[in-house]
Amino acid sequence: MQNSWQRLGLFLSLFCLWPIAIAQDLFGEQPLPGVDEAIQLITDADWDNQQLLLDFELMEDVYLYQHRFGFSLRDQNGNVLEDFADYALPPGKDKTDEIFGDVEVYYDRLTLNLPVTSVPLVATELEVRYQGCIEDTLCYPPTRKVIPLANPSPAKKPPAAQAARPADTASSNNDDGGFLSTLQSDDANAFNRWMNDRSLGLVIGLFFVGGLLLAFTPCVFPMVPILSGIIAGEKEPSASRGFVLSTSYVLGMAVPYTFAGLLVAVFGAGLNLQFLLQQPAAIITSTVIFVLLALSMFGLYELQLPAFLRNK
């Protein structure tokens, strides 16, 4: 039995060492190059054209798998700003690989231009994932690099931000055009910059109008008969009583959401809530809460306020 284990260990050792023996035949007595030596990555940010530049320099007989690339742009809190899911890599050279079968690979040099939807206003970091091999020798493990990118200077703002300046001193008609063009802009920060140059009263008015428009969305329609039933169920219904009940109903929903929005705006970035809410513990907790609340709708239990509060 012991001899069998010894033979198995010898076989595994030879199996793991055979790539090194082949590499010594190809490269002489020189050691194999490391992944950073065989695959050199140079990055740059071209904020004027809203793109990130990546340049891969490969040693001779080294290639990169097309399907092993991955990119993501994050802020310093780990929030994903761009995942480049729709980015199409350039066509590579067809190859029948021993590991992945029929694939496309890149040799010598590869230059990529990653388009950015909007120029970030904070310092960011680019995560690049890739995997390469030495022809008929060995494959490097999947590589992950995180490259910090400096905060773009104000002079390198996107065209949408520069176009917002003349609209400040234009006539009211131009203001309306600037507002509509801002809503149609692909820049995620365009509306934020537009509001920074407007008065507080105008911003509050816009959100008030937006709230009224939300009242006509289909998800609100089921609440109309409920509220109407509450008002009509009064012993002595009147216009003033209906207005008070309606106002109480609306404020009861608006105030908690407003308070929650303020908390997220003040503490959300520091606590990295987006990252925390994507963790398995947060998702499982939310799922359990929804399941428990759904059981009440099936009649398993009844959840309601105490009688003295309902009577009031």
C-alpha atoms as a PDB file:
ATOM      1  CA  MET A   1       0.000   0.000   0.000  1.00  0.00           C
ATOM      2  CA  GLN A   2       2.826   2.373   0.885  1.00  0.00           C
ATOM      3  CA  ASN A   3       4.558   1.634  -2.434  1.00  0.00           C
ATOM      4  CA  SER A   4       1.351   2.510  -4.272  1.00  0.00           C
ATOM      5  CA  TRP A   5       1.192   5.902  -2.550  1.00  0.00           C
ATOM      6  CA  GLN A   6       4.860   6.508  -3.336  1.00  0.00           C
ATOM      7  CA  ARG A   7       4.307   5.707  -7.032  1.00  0.00           C
ATOM      8  CA  LEU A   8       1.265   8.028  -7.089  1.00  0.00           C
ATOM      9  CA  GLY A   9       3.301  10.832  -5.498  1.00  0.00           C
ATOM     10  CA  LEU A  10       6.094  10.341  -8.017  1.00  0.00           C
ATOM     11  CA  PHE A  11       3.609  10.443 -10.902  1.00  0.00           C
ATOM     12  CA  LEU A  12       2.013  13.682  -9.650  1.00  0.00           C
ATOM     13  CA  SER A  13       5.423  15.265  -9.174  1.00  0.00           C
ATOM     14  CA  LEU A  14       6.463  14.421 -12.728  1.00  0.00           C
ATOM     15  CA  PHE A  15       3.090  15.642 -14.043  1.00  0.00           C
ATOM     16  CA  CYS A  16       3.539  19.020 -12.321  1.00  0.00           C
ATOM     17  CA  LEU A  17       7.158  19.415 -13.375  1.00  0.00           C
ATOM     18  CA  TRP A  18       6.861  18.582 -17.059  1.00  0.00           C
ATOM     19  CA  PRO A  19       5.900  22.163 -18.082  1.00  0.00           C
ATOM     20  CA  ILE A  20       9.084  23.391 -16.401  1.00  0.00           C
ATOM     21  CA  ALA A  21      11.164  20.860 -18.317  1.00  0.00           C
ATOM     22  CA  ILE A  22       9.624  22.007 -21.601  1.00  0.00           C
ATOM     23  CA  ALA A  23      10.137  25.662 -20.653  1.00  0.00           C
ATOM     24  CA  GLN A  24      13.826  25.024 -20.003  1.00  0.00           C
ATOM     25  CA  ASP A  25      14.141  23.567 -23.504  1.00  0.00           C
ATOM     26  CA  LEU A  26      12.463  26.659 -24.981  1.00  0.00           C
ATOM     27  CA  PHE A  27      14.055  29.346 -22.830  1.00  0.00           C
ATOM     28  CA  GLY A  28      17.350  27.617 -22.016  1.00  0.00           C
ATOM     29  CA  GLU A  29      18.408  27.773 -18.401  1.00  0.00           C
ATOM     30  CA  GLN A  30      16.638  31.118 -17.851  1.00  0.00           C
ATOM     31  CA  PRO A  31      13.715  31.029 -15.412  1.00  0.00           C
ATOM     32  CA  LEU A  32      10.222  31.448 -16.754  1.00  0.00           C
ATOM     33  CA  PRO A  33       9.015  35.071 -16.886  1.00  0.00           C
ATOM     34  CA  GLY A  34       6.467  36.144 -14.314  1.00  0.00           C
ATOM     35  CA  VAL A  35       3.017  37.228 -15.395  1.00  0.00           C
ATOM     36  CA  ASP A  36       3.859  40.948 -15.006  1.00  0.00           C
ATOM     37  CA  GLU A  37       6.972  40.470 -17.123  1.00  0.00           C
ATOM     38  CA  ALA A  38       5.254  38.423 -19.812  1.00  0.00           C
ATOM     39  CA  ILE A  39       2.140  40.636 -19.903  1.00  0.00           C
ATOM     40  CA  GLN A  40       2.769  44.343 -19.310  1.00  0.00           C
ATOM     41  CA  LEU A  41      -0.324  46.482 -18.786  1.00  0.00           C
ATOM     42  CA  ILE A  42      -0.272  50.259 -19.315  1.00  0.00           C
ATOM     43  CA  THR A  43      -3.407  52.290 -18.517  1.00  0.00           C
ATOM     44  CA  ASP A  44      -4.456  55.892 -18.938  1.00  0.00           C
ATOM     45  CA  ALA A  45      -7.647  57.937 -18.560  1.00  0.00           C
ATOM     46  CA  ASP A  46      -8.748  60.144 -21.443  1.00  0.00           C
ATOM     47  CA  TRP A  47     -11.506  62.087 -19.700  1.00  0.00           C
ATOM     48  CA  ASP A  48     -11.848  64.561 -22.608  1.00  0.00           C
ATOM     49  CA  ASN A  49     -13.133  61.753 -24.831  1.00  0.00           C
ATOM     50  CA  GLN A  50     -14.735  59.826 -21.937  1.00  0.00           C
ATOM     51  CA  GLN A  51     -12.697  56.670 -22.334  1.00  0.00           C
ATOM     52  CA  LEU A  52     -10.063  54.596 -20.572  1.00  0.00           C
ATOM     53  CA  LEU A  53      -7.019  53.434 -22.522  1.00  0.00           C
ATOM     54  CA  LEU A  54      -5.485  49.995 -21.928  1.00  0.00           C
ATOM     55  CA  ASP A  55      -2.372  48.737 -23.670  1.00  0.00           C
ATOM     56  CA  PHE A  56      -1.191  45.122 -23.248  1.00  0.00           C
ATOM     57  CA  GLU A  57       2.395  44.402 -24.307  1.00  0.00           C
ATOM     58  CA  LEU A  58       3.033  40.652 -24.648  1.00  0.00           C
ATOM     59  CA  MET A  59       6.311  38.763 -24.871  1.00  0.00           C
ATOM     60  CA  GLU A  60       6.966  36.441 -27.773  1.00  0.00           C
ATOM     61  CA  ASP A  61       4.836  33.255 -27.689  1.00  0.00           C
ATOM     62  CA  VAL A  62       2.590  34.747 -25.006  1.00  0.00           C
ATOM     63  CA  TYR A  63      -1.131  35.161 -25.683  1.00  0.00           C
ATOM     64  CA  LEU A  64      -4.272  36.384 -23.875  1.00  0.00           C
ATOM     65  CA  TYR A  65      -7.673  34.681 -23.862  1.00  0.00           C
ATOM     66  CA  GLN A  66     -10.473  36.878 -25.219  1.00  0.00           C
ATOM     67  CA  HIS A  67     -13.169  35.331 -23.018  1.00  0.00           C
ATOM     68  CA  ARG A  68     -11.169  35.800 -19.802  1.00  0.00           C
ATOM     69  CA  PHE A  69     -11.267  39.607 -19.852  1.00  0.00           C
ATOM     70  CA  GLY A  70     -13.307  41.559 -17.308  1.00  0.00           C
ATOM     71  CA  PHE A  71     -13.448  45.244 -16.413  1.00  0.00           C
ATOM     72  CA  SER A  72     -15.160  47.373 -13.772  1.00  0.00           C
ATOM     73  CA  LEU A  73     -14.803  51.000 -12.694  1.00  0.00           C
ATOM     74  CA  ARG A  74     -15.448  51.698  -8.999  1.00  0.00           C
ATOM     75  CA  ASP A  75     -15.270  54.642  -6.657  1.00  0.00           C
ATOM     76  CA  GLN A  76     -13.201  54.601  -3.479  1.00  0.00           C
ATOM     77  CA  ASN A  77     -16.112  53.091  -1.519  1.00  0.00           C
ATOM     78  CA  GLY A  78     -16.353  50.098  -3.835  1.00  0.00           C
ATOM     79  CA  ASN A  79     -19.517  51.228  -5.658  1.00  0.00           C
ATOM     80  CA  VAL A  80     -19.546  50.068  -9.288  1.00  0.00           C
ATOM     81  CA  LEU A  81     -19.768  53.025 -11.690  1.00  0.00           C
ATOM     82  CA  GLU A  82     -19.215  51.091 -14.933  1.00  0.00           C
ATOM     83  CA  ASP A  83     -19.124  47.334 -15.555  1.00  0.00           C
ATOM     84  CA  PHE A  84     -18.549  47.580 -19.335  1.00  0.00           C
ATOM     85  CA  ALA A  85     -20.975  44.692 -19.859  1.00  0.00           C
ATOM     86  CA  ASP A  86     -21.835  45.910 -23.371  1.00  0.00           C
ATOM     87  CA  TYR A  87     -18.234  46.462 -24.425  1.00  0.00           C
ATOM     88  CA  ALA A  88     -17.257  44.298 -27.411  1.00  0.00           C
ATOM     89  CA  LEU A  89     -13.639  43.179 -27.571  1.00  0.00           C
ATOM     90  CA  PRO A  90     -11.915  43.281 -30.970  1.00  0.00           C
ATOM     91  CA  PRO A  91     -11.699  39.978 -32.895  1.00  0.00           C
ATOM     92  CA  GLY A  92      -8.729  37.808 -31.994  1.00  0.00           C
ATOM     93  CA  LYS A  93      -6.916  34.902 -33.599  1.00  0.00           C
ATOM     94  CA  ASP A  94      -8.666  31.532 -33.627  1.00  0.00           C
ATOM     95  CA  LYS A  95      -6.945  28.852 -31.564  1.00  0.00           C
ATOM     96  CA  THR A  96      -7.746  25.331 -30.385  1.00  0.00           C
ATOM     97  CA  ASP A  97      -6.718  25.394 -26.750  1.00  0.00           C
ATOM     98  CA  GLU A  98      -6.068  22.303 -24.633  1.00  0.00           C
ATOM     99  CA  ILE A  99      -7.984  23.784 -21.719  1.00  0.00           C
ATOM    100  CA  PHE A 100     -10.862  25.846 -23.187  1.00  0.00           C
ATOM    101  CA  GLY A 101     -11.170  24.298 -26.643  1.00  0.00           C
ATOM    102  CA  ASP A 102     -11.862  26.610 -29.596  1.00  0.00           C
ATOM    103  CA  VAL A 103     -11.162  30.172 -28.418  1.00  0.00           C
ATOM    104  CA  GLU A 104      -9.912  33.528 -29.665  1.00  0.00           C
ATOM    105  CA  VAL A 105      -6.591  34.842 -28.379  1.00  0.00           C
ATOM    106  CA  TYR A 106      -4.377  37.903 -28.759  1.00  0.00           C
ATOM    107  CA  TYR A 107      -0.634  37.968 -29.488  1.00  0.00           C
ATOM    108  CA  ASP A 108       2.082  40.643 -29.382  1.00  0.00           C
ATOM    109  CA  ARG A 109       0.003  43.709 -28.452  1.00  0.00           C
ATOM    110  CA  LEU A 110      -3.596  44.564 -27.607  1.00  0.00           C
ATOM    111  CA  THR A 111      -4.989  48.108 -27.305  1.00  0.00           C
ATOM    112  CA  LEU A 112      -8.448  48.688 -25.801  1.00  0.00           C
ATOM    113  CA  ASN A 113     -10.548  51.845 -25.475  1.00  0.00           C
ATOM    114  CA  LEU A 114     -13.168  51.434 -22.750  1.00  0.00           C
ATOM    115  CA  PRO A 115     -15.973  54.024 -23.163  1.00  0.00           C
ATOM    116  CA  VAL A 116     -17.187  55.725 -19.984  1.00  0.00           C
ATOM    117  CA  THR A 117     -20.829  56.810 -19.848  1.00  0.00           C
ATOM    118  CA  SER A 118     -20.078  59.823 -17.643  1.00  0.00           C
ATOM    119  CA  VAL A 119     -16.927  61.337 -16.219  1.00  0.00           C
ATOM    120  CA  PRO A 120     -16.776  60.531 -12.471  1.00  0.00           C
ATOM    121  CA  LEU A 121     -16.494  63.459 -10.092  1.00  0.00           C
ATOM    122  CA  VAL A 122     -14.434  61.498  -7.558  1.00  0.00           C
ATOM    123  CA  ALA A 123     -11.246  59.465  -7.599  1.00  0.00           C
ATOM    124  CA  THR A 124     -11.832  55.991  -9.013  1.00  0.00           C
ATOM    125  CA  GLU A 125     -10.085  52.679  -9.555  1.00  0.00           C
ATOM    126  CA  LEU A 126     -10.211  50.381 -12.561  1.00  0.00           C
ATOM    127  CA  GLU A 127     -10.250  46.630 -12.028  1.00  0.00           C
ATOM    128  CA  VAL A 128      -8.891  44.582 -14.934  1.00  0.00           C
ATOM    129  CA  ARG A 129      -9.139  40.782 -15.067  1.00  0.00           C
ATOM    130  CA  TYR A 130      -7.373  38.655 -17.655  1.00  0.00           C
ATOM    131  CA  GLN A 131      -5.503  35.379 -18.173  1.00  0.00           C
ATOM    132  CA  GLY A 132      -2.602  34.547 -20.449  1.00  0.00           C
ATOM    133  CA  CYS A 133      -0.401  31.615 -21.415  1.00  0.00           C
ATOM    134  CA  ILE A 134       3.004  30.836 -22.885  1.00  0.00           C
ATOM    135  CA  GLU A 135       2.587  28.873 -26.086  1.00  0.00           C
ATOM    136  CA  ASP A 136       2.858  25.092 -25.438  1.00  0.00           C
ATOM    137  CA  THR A 137       4.474  25.747 -22.038  1.00  0.00           C
ATOM    138  CA  LEU A 138       2.211  26.888 -19.219  1.00  0.00           C
ATOM    139  CA  CYS A 139      -0.783  29.048 -18.375  1.00  0.00           C
ATOM    140  CA  TYR A 140      -0.646  31.791 -15.786  1.00  0.00           C
ATOM    141  CA  PRO A 141      -3.401  31.869 -13.163  1.00  0.00           C
ATOM    142  CA  PRO A 142      -6.181  34.425 -13.668  1.00  0.00           C
ATOM    143  CA  THR A 143      -4.764  37.882 -12.991  1.00  0.00           C
ATOM    144  CA  ARG A 144      -6.589  40.751 -11.312  1.00  0.00           C
ATOM    145  CA  LYS A 145      -5.157  44.257 -11.269  1.00  0.00           C
ATOM    146  CA  VAL A 146      -6.612  47.353  -9.619  1.00  0.00           C
ATOM    147  CA  ILE A 147      -5.343  50.615 -11.084  1.00  0.00           C
ATOM    148  CA  PRO A 148      -6.150  53.877  -9.225  1.00  0.00           C
ATOM    149  CA  LEU A 149      -7.325  56.742 -11.426  1.00  0.00           C
ATOM    150  CA  ALA A 150      -6.978  60.359 -10.359  1.00  0.00           C
ATOM    151  CA  ASN A 151      -9.967  62.651  -9.992  1.00  0.00           C
ATOM    152  CA  PRO A 152     -10.415  64.478 -13.328  1.00  0.00           C
ATOM    153  CA  SER A 153      -9.654  68.197 -13.184  1.00  0.00           C
ATOM    154  CA  PRO A 154     -12.480  70.722 -13.714  1.00  0.00           C
ATOM    155  CA  ALA A 155     -10.972  71.540 -17.124  1.00  0.00           C
ATOM    156  CA  LYS A 156     -11.712  67.986 -18.254  1.00  0.00           C
ATOM    157  CA  LYS A 157     -15.447  67.954 -17.657  1.00  0.00           C
ATOM    158  CA  PRO A 158     -17.620  66.332 -20.300  1.00  0.00           C
ATOM    159  CA  PRO A 159     -19.251  68.482 -23.000  1.00  0.00           C
ATOM    160  CA  ALA A 160     -22.643  68.259 -21.235  1.00  0.00           C
ATOM    161  CA  ALA A 161     -21.202  70.046 -18.171  1.00  0.00           C
ATOM    162  CA  GLN A 162     -19.596  72.781 -20.303  1.00  0.00           C
ATOM    163  CA  ALA A 163     -22.798  73.343 -22.229  1.00  0.00           C
ATOM    164  CA  ALA A 164     -24.701  73.951 -19.003  1.00  0.00           C
ATOM    165  CA  ARG A 165     -22.809  77.187 -18.327  1.00  0.00           C
ATOM    166  CA  PRO A 166     -24.203  79.345 -21.146  1.00  0.00           C
ATOM    167  CA  ALA A 167     -27.708  78.188 -20.252  1.00  0.00           C
ATOM    168  CA  ASP A 168     -27.384  79.985 -16.888  1.00  0.00           C
ATOM    169  CA  THR A 169     -27.308  83.412 -18.528  1.00  0.00           C
ATOM    170  CA  ALA A 170     -29.690  82.599 -21.379  1.00  0.00           C
ATOM    171  CA  SER A 171     -33.334  83.478 -21.601  1.00  0.00           C
ATOM    172  CA  SER A 172     -36.122  81.479 -20.013  1.00  0.00           C
ATOM    173  CA  ASN A 173     -36.724  79.667 -23.312  1.00  0.00           C
ATOM    174  CA  ASN A 174     -33.110  78.532 -23.368  1.00  0.00           C
ATOM    175  CA  ASP A 175     -33.441  77.411 -19.766  1.00  0.00           C
ATOM    176  CA  ASP A 176     -36.306  75.149 -20.733  1.00  0.00           C
ATOM    177  CA  GLY A 177     -34.250  73.724 -23.592  1.00  0.00           C
ATOM    178  CA  GLY A 178     -31.305  73.191 -21.270  1.00  0.00           C
ATOM    179  CA  PHE A 179     -33.526  71.370 -18.776  1.00  0.00           C
ATOM    180  CA  LEU A 180     -34.961  69.062 -21.435  1.00  0.00           C
ATOM    181  CA  SER A 181     -31.539  68.364 -22.903  1.00  0.00           C
ATOM    182  CA  THR A 182     -30.260  67.610 -19.408  1.00  0.00           C
ATOM    183  CA  LEU A 183     -33.012  65.036 -18.870  1.00  0.00           C
ATOM    184  CA  GLN A 184     -32.108  63.393 -22.191  1.00  0.00           C
ATOM    185  CA  SER A 185     -28.369  63.414 -21.499  1.00  0.00           C
ATOM    186  CA  ASP A 186     -26.483  60.140 -21.089  1.00  0.00           C
ATOM    187  CA  ASP A 187     -24.362  61.755 -18.371  1.00  0.00           C
ATOM    188  CA  ALA A 188     -25.548  60.455 -14.981  1.00  0.00           C
ATOM    189  CA  ASN A 189     -24.302  63.625 -13.234  1.00  0.00           C
ATOM    190  CA  ALA A 190     -25.810  66.152 -15.694  1.00  0.00           C
ATOM    191  CA  PHE A 191     -29.021  66.711 -13.699  1.00  0.00           C
ATOM    192  CA  ASN A 192     -27.061  67.068 -10.461  1.00  0.00           C
ATOM    193  CA  ARG A 193     -24.896  69.800 -11.990  1.00  0.00           C
ATOM    194  CA  TRP A 194     -27.989  71.485 -13.432  1.00  0.00           C
ATOM    195  CA  MET A 195     -29.627  71.675  -9.986  1.00  0.00           C
ATOM    196  CA  ASN A 196     -26.500  73.099  -8.347  1.00  0.00           C
ATOM    197  CA  ASP A 197     -26.949  76.339 -10.296  1.00  0.00           C
ATOM    198  CA  ARG A 198     -30.671  76.706  -9.578  1.00  0.00           C
ATOM    199  CA  SER A 199     -32.517  78.193  -6.630  1.00  0.00           C
ATOM    200  CA  LEU A 200     -33.791  76.032  -3.791  1.00  0.00           C
ATOM    201  CA  GLY A 201     -37.386  77.025  -4.536  1.00  0.00           C
ATOM    202  CA  LEU A 202     -37.119  75.848  -8.145  1.00  0.00           C
ATOM    203  CA  VAL A 203     -35.624  72.517  -7.094  1.00  0.00           C
ATOM    204  CA  ILE A 204     -38.369  71.937  -4.497  1.00  0.00           C
ATOM    205  CA  GLY A 205     -41.010  72.875  -7.072  1.00  0.00           C
ATOM    206  CA  LEU A 206     -39.610  70.391  -9.589  1.00  0.00           C
ATOM    207  CA  PHE A 207     -39.679  67.577  -7.060  1.00  0.00           C
ATOM    208  CA  PHE A 208     -43.221  68.554  -6.043  1.00  0.00           C
ATOM    209  CA  VAL A 209     -44.345  68.329  -9.677  1.00  0.00           C
ATOM    210  CA  GLY A 210     -42.507  65.031  -9.983  1.00  0.00           C
ATOM    211  CA  GLY A 211     -44.376  63.727  -6.948  1.00  0.00           C
ATOM    212  CA  LEU A 212     -47.720  64.744  -8.478  1.00  0.00           C
ATOM    213  CA  LEU A 213     -46.838  62.925 -11.687  1.00  0.00           C
ATOM    214  CA  LEU A 214     -45.988  59.811  -9.678  1.00  0.00           C
ATOM    215  CA  ALA A 215     -49.516  59.890  -8.281  1.00  0.00           C
ATOM    216  CA  PHE A 216     -50.785  58.970 -11.753  1.00  0.00           C
ATOM    217  CA  THR A 217     -48.612  55.889 -12.156  1.00  0.00           C
ATOM    218  CA  PRO A 218     -50.434  52.506 -12.226  1.00  0.00           C
ATOM    219  CA  CYS A 219     -48.952  51.321  -8.923  1.00  0.00           C
ATOM    220  CA  VAL A 220     -50.845  54.095  -7.102  1.00  0.00           C
ATOM    221  CA  PHE A 221     -54.264  53.315  -8.608  1.00  0.00           C
ATOM    222  CA  PRO A 222     -55.113  50.474  -6.149  1.00  0.00           C
ATOM    223  CA  MET A 223     -54.749  52.934  -3.266  1.00  0.00           C
ATOM    224  CA  VAL A 224     -57.410  55.302  -4.679  1.00  0.00           C
ATOM    225  CA  PRO A 225     -60.421  53.131  -3.724  1.00  0.00           C
ATOM    226  CA  ILE A 226     -58.852  52.355  -0.355  1.00  0.00           C
ATOM    227  CA  LEU A 227     -58.497  56.032   0.484  1.00  0.00           C
ATOM    228  CA  SER A 228     -61.949  56.762  -0.942  1.00  0.00           C
ATOM    229  CA  GLY A 229     -63.420  54.029   1.243  1.00  0.00           C
ATOM    230  CA  ILE A 230     -61.796  55.532   4.349  1.00  0.00           C
ATOM    231  CA  ILE A 231     -63.210  58.970   3.561  1.00  0.00           C
ATOM    232  CA  ALA A 232     -66.668  57.687   2.592  1.00  0.00           C
ATOM    233  CA  GLY A 233     -66.795  55.512   5.694  1.00  0.00           C
ATOM    234  CA  GLU A 234     -66.955  58.549   7.968  1.00  0.00           C
ATOM    235  CA  LYS A 235     -70.199  59.042   9.911  1.00  0.00           C
ATOM    236  CA  GLU A 236     -70.444  62.665   8.799  1.00  0.00           C
ATOM    237  CA  PRO A 237     -68.261  63.046   5.687  1.00  0.00           C
ATOM    238  CA  SER A 238     -67.351  66.569   4.641  1.00  0.00           C
ATOM    239  CA  ALA A 239     -64.851  68.224   2.294  1.00  0.00           C
ATOM    240  CA  SER A 240     -62.669  69.482   5.135  1.00  0.00           C
ATOM    241  CA  ARG A 241     -62.676  66.075   6.846  1.00  0.00           C
ATOM    242  CA  GLY A 242     -61.773  64.371   3.559  1.00  0.00           C
ATOM    243  CA  PHE A 243     -58.948  66.843   2.985  1.00  0.00           C
ATOM    244  CA  VAL A 244     -57.560  66.199   6.471  1.00  0.00           C
ATOM    245  CA  LEU A 245     -57.728  62.418   6.031  1.00  0.00           C
ATOM    246  CA  SER A 246     -56.134  62.613   2.572  1.00  0.00           C
ATOM    247  CA  THR A 247     -53.365  64.883   3.841  1.00  0.00           C
ATOM    248  CA  SER A 248     -52.706  62.586   6.785  1.00  0.00           C
ATOM    249  CA  TYR A 249     -52.569  59.603   4.452  1.00  0.00           C
ATOM    250  CA  VAL A 250     -50.134  61.286   2.046  1.00  0.00           C
ATOM    251  CA  LEU A 251     -47.901  62.704   4.768  1.00  0.00           C
ATOM    252  CA  GLY A 252     -47.841  59.346   6.513  1.00  0.00           C
ATOM    253  CA  MET A 253     -46.110  57.911   3.428  1.00  0.00           C
ATOM    254  CA  ALA A 254     -44.122  60.957   2.336  1.00  0.00           C
ATOM    255  CA  VAL A 255     -42.473  61.814   5.666  1.00  0.00           C
ATOM    256  CA  PRO A 256     -40.861  58.384   6.332  1.00  0.00           C
ATOM    257  CA  TYR A 257     -39.585  58.175   2.745  1.00  0.00           C
ATOM    258  CA  THR A 258     -38.228  61.719   2.962  1.00  0.00           C
ATOM    259  CA  PHE A 259     -36.512  60.977   6.250  1.00  0.00           C
ATOM    260  CA  ALA A 260     -35.042  57.750   4.872  1.00  0.00           C
ATOM    261  CA  GLY A 261     -33.830  59.591   1.760  1.00  0.00           C
ATOM    262  CA  LEU A 262     -32.111  62.237   3.889  1.00  0.00           C
ATOM    263  CA  LEU A 263     -30.357  59.578   5.958  1.00  0.00           C
ATOM    264  CA  VAL A 264     -29.135  57.792   2.842  1.00  0.00           C
ATOM    265  CA  ALA A 265     -27.960  61.085   1.309  1.00  0.00           C
ATOM    266  CA  VAL A 266     -26.033  62.055   4.448  1.00  0.00           C
ATOM    267  CA  PHE A 267     -24.615  58.689   5.528  1.00  0.00           C
ATOM    268  CA  GLY A 268     -25.004  56.495   2.435  1.00  0.00           C
ATOM    269  CA  ALA A 269     -21.580  57.156   0.894  1.00  0.00           C
ATOM    270  CA  GLY A 270     -19.697  56.866   4.176  1.00  0.00           C
ATOM    271  CA  LEU A 271     -21.396  53.627   5.197  1.00  0.00           C
ATOM    272  CA  ASN A 272     -21.271  52.242   1.648  1.00  0.00           C
ATOM    273  CA  LEU A 273     -24.914  51.151   1.870  1.00  0.00           C
ATOM    274  CA  GLN A 274     -25.033  49.978  -1.729  1.00  0.00           C
ATOM    275  CA  PHE A 275     -22.283  47.470  -1.033  1.00  0.00           C
ATOM    276  CA  LEU A 276     -23.778  46.374   2.300  1.00  0.00           C
ATOM    277  CA  LEU A 277     -27.255  45.821   0.860  1.00  0.00           C
ATOM    278  CA  GLN A 278     -25.791  43.526  -1.802  1.00  0.00           C
ATOM    279  CA  GLN A 279     -24.313  41.168   0.761  1.00  0.00           C
ATOM    280  CA  PRO A 280     -25.961  37.742   1.239  1.00  0.00           C
ATOM    281  CA  ALA A 281     -26.950  38.526   4.836  1.00  0.00           C
ATOM    282  CA  ALA A 282     -28.912  41.638   3.761  1.00  0.00           C
ATOM    283  CA  ILE A 283     -30.574  39.856   0.835  1.00  0.00           C
ATOM    284  CA  ILE A 284     -31.566  36.831   2.927  1.00  0.00           C
ATOM    285  CA  THR A 285     -32.928  39.068   5.702  1.00  0.00           C
ATOM    286  CA  SER A 286     -35.054  41.028   3.214  1.00  0.00           C
ATOM    287  CA  THR A 287     -36.330  37.800   1.673  1.00  0.00           C
ATOM    288  CA  VAL A 288     -37.347  36.382   5.056  1.00  0.00           C
ATOM    289  CA  ILE A 289     -39.202  39.598   5.959  1.00  0.00           C
ATOM    290  CA  PHE A 290     -41.160  39.562   2.684  1.00  0.00           C
ATOM    291  CA  VAL A 291     -42.046  35.891   3.116  1.00  0.00           C
ATOM    292  CA  LEU A 292     -43.299  36.503   6.658  1.00  0.00           C
ATOM    293  CA  LEU A 293     -45.390  39.472   5.514  1.00  0.00           C
ATOM    294  CA  ALA A 294     -46.794  37.407   2.638  1.00  0.00           C
ATOM    295  CA  LEU A 295     -47.990  34.748   5.094  1.00  0.00           C
ATOM    296  CA  SER A 296     -50.259  37.384   6.636  1.00  0.00           C
ATOM    297  CA  MET A 297     -51.899  37.914   3.232  1.00  0.00           C
ATOM    298  CA  PHE A 298     -52.667  34.166   3.107  1.00  0.00           C
ATOM    299  CA  GLY A 299     -54.475  34.404   6.438  1.00  0.00           C
ATOM    300  CA  LEU A 300     -51.867  32.671   8.581  1.00  0.00           C
ATOM    301  CA  TYR A 301     -51.917  35.550  11.057  1.00  0.00           C
ATOM    302  CA  GLU A 302     -53.331  39.069  11.298  1.00  0.00           C
ATOM    303  CA  LEU A 303     -51.048  42.079  11.628  1.00  0.00           C
ATOM    304  CA  GLN A 304     -52.748  45.321  12.635  1.00  0.00           C
ATOM    305  CA  LEU A 305     -52.593  48.194  15.093  1.00  0.00           C
ATOM    306  CA  PRO A 306     -54.139  47.894  18.559  1.00  0.00           C
ATOM    307  CA  ALA A 307     -57.852  48.623  18.744  1.00  0.00           C
ATOM    308  CA  PHE A 308     -57.492  51.951  20.626  1.00  0.00           C
ATOM    309  CA  LEU A 309     -55.224  53.328  17.865  1.00  0.00           C
ATOM    310  CA  ARG A 310     -57.503  52.070  15.090  1.00  0.00           C
ATOM    311  CA  ASN A 311     -60.512  53.736  16.697  1.00  0.00           C
ATOM    312  CA  LYS A 312     -58.720  57.069  16.767  1.00  0.00           C
END
